[in-house]
Amino acid sequence: MGKDKFKSRNIMTRDELSAYLETVLAGLKQGSLILDNEDRPLILRPSDAIEAELEIKQKADKEKLELKLSWVPNRMQPLAPVAAQIDAPILTQVPGSGEAKKK
């Protein structure tokens, strides 16, 4: 499997972001998450051991929270075609304006 990368930066409402993060959370709980982008879907298979890095910054005019998650793919979870993973949470393009890049 080659290296796929998707990066997105958007402006969303709090409700839109909450819904998006709930989809990510559901995928983490289930062990399978699909990012449906234009070229081809990216299927993530998080294992039970997930490294979490949290950074919070607060300034007078801006607050920032960064959450970075990484894991070794769960090889026991088969890489099935997207159509076969009907129950897997699917992240579509993030609502709101902004830029998305796939490398």
Protein backbone atom coordinates (compact mmCIF):
# COMPACT_ATOMS: atom_id res chain seq x y z
CA MET A 1 0.00 0.00 0.00
CA GLY A 2 1.37 3.40 -0.96
CA LYS A 3 1.34 6.59 1.02
CA ASP A 4 -1.89 8.58 0.91
CA LYS A 5 -2.35 11.92 2.60
CA PHE A 6 -5.34 14.18 2.92
CA LYS A 7 -5.22 17.59 4.55
CA SER A 8 -8.13 19.93 5.08
CA ARG A 9 -8.57 23.38 6.60
CA ASN A 10 -12.10 24.79 6.88
CA ILE A 11 -14.26 27.26 8.72
CA MET A 12 -17.25 25.49 10.29
CA THR A 13 -19.91 26.27 12.81
CA ARG A 14 -19.65 24.65 16.22
CA ASP A 15 -22.57 22.36 15.29
CA GLU A 16 -20.95 21.31 12.00
CA LEU A 17 -17.67 20.57 13.75
CA SER A 18 -19.43 18.61 16.50
CA ALA A 19 -21.18 16.43 13.92
CA TYR A 20 -17.91 15.87 12.04
CA LEU A 21 -16.06 14.89 15.23
CA GLU A 22 -18.92 12.56 16.23
CA THR A 23 -18.43 10.74 12.91
CA VAL A 24 -14.70 10.42 13.63
CA LEU A 25 -15.49 9.15 17.14
CA ALA A 26 -17.94 6.57 15.78
CA GLY A 27 -15.26 5.32 13.39
CA LEU A 28 -12.71 5.03 16.19
CA LYS A 29 -15.18 3.06 18.31
CA GLN A 30 -16.09 0.77 15.42
CA GLY A 31 -12.52 0.29 14.21
CA SER A 32 -13.08 1.49 10.65
CA LEU A 33 -13.41 4.97 9.17
CA ILE A 34 -13.73 5.95 5.52
CA LEU A 35 -12.75 9.32 4.07
CA ASP A 36 -14.75 9.74 0.88
CA ASN A 37 -12.75 12.10 -1.30
CA GLU A 38 -12.88 12.81 -5.04
CA ASP A 39 -10.16 10.43 -6.23
CA ARG A 40 -10.67 7.31 -4.17
CA PRO A 41 -11.71 6.61 -0.60
CA LEU A 42 -9.15 6.31 2.19
CA ILE A 43 -10.00 3.53 4.64
CA LEU A 44 -8.58 3.89 8.13
CA ARG A 45 -8.43 0.91 10.50
CA PRO A 46 -7.49 2.17 13.97
CA SER A 47 -6.04 -0.39 16.34
CA ASP A 48 -6.74 -0.51 20.07
CA ALA A 49 -3.49 1.34 20.90
CA ILE A 50 -3.79 4.94 19.73
CA GLU A 51 -1.20 7.61 20.44
CA ALA A 52 -2.90 10.92 21.26
CA GLU A 53 -1.13 14.26 21.33
CA LEU A 54 -3.01 17.27 22.66
CA GLU A 55 -1.79 20.87 22.49
CA ILE A 56 -3.78 23.81 23.81
CA LYS A 57 -2.78 27.46 23.42
CA GLN A 58 -4.58 30.49 24.73
CA LYS A 59 -3.77 34.09 23.81
CA ALA A 60 -5.70 37.28 24.38
CA ASP A 61 -7.10 37.26 20.82
CA LYS A 62 -7.09 33.55 19.87
CA GLU A 63 -7.48 30.08 21.35
CA LYS A 64 -6.25 26.88 19.75
CA LEU A 65 -6.68 23.17 20.39
CA GLU A 66 -4.74 20.63 18.31
CA LEU A 67 -5.41 16.92 18.57
CA LYS A 68 -3.19 14.50 16.70
CA LEU A 69 -3.96 10.76 16.65
CA SER A 70 -1.77 8.02 15.22
CA TRP A 71 -1.82 4.23 15.24
CA VAL A 72 -0.58 1.14 13.50
CA PRO A 73 -3.41 -0.12 11.24
CA ASN A 74 -5.40 -3.02 12.64
CA ARG A 75 -4.35 -5.79 10.24
CA MET A 76 -7.05 -8.05 11.67
CA GLN A 77 -9.69 -5.69 10.22
CA PRO A 78 -9.84 -6.63 6.53
CA LEU A 79 -9.59 -3.92 3.90
CA ALA A 80 -12.95 -4.53 2.24
CA PRO A 81 -14.29 -2.49 -0.65
CA VAL A 82 -16.20 0.61 0.42
CA ALA A 83 -19.51 -0.87 -0.69
CA ALA A 84 -18.99 -3.79 1.70
CA GLN A 85 -18.39 -1.47 4.66
CA ILE A 86 -21.89 -0.05 4.80
CA ASP A 87 -21.76 0.34 8.58
CA ALA A 88 -18.43 2.17 8.63
CA PRO A 89 -18.73 5.90 9.34
CA ILE A 90 -17.96 7.92 6.22
CA LEU A 91 -16.36 11.34 6.37
CA THR A 92 -17.36 13.39 3.37
CA GLN A 93 -15.82 16.68 2.38
CA VAL A 94 -15.87 18.96 5.37
CA PRO A 95 -18.69 21.52 5.28
CA GLY A 96 -17.83 25.18 5.10
CA SER A 97 -15.36 27.08 3.02
CA GLY A 98 -11.72 26.27 2.92
CA GLU A 99 -9.12 24.21 1.21
CA ALA A 100 -8.54 20.48 1.00
CA LYS A 101 -5.44 18.81 -0.36
CA LYS A 102 -4.72 15.19 -1.18
CA LYS A 103 -1.09 14.27 -1.65
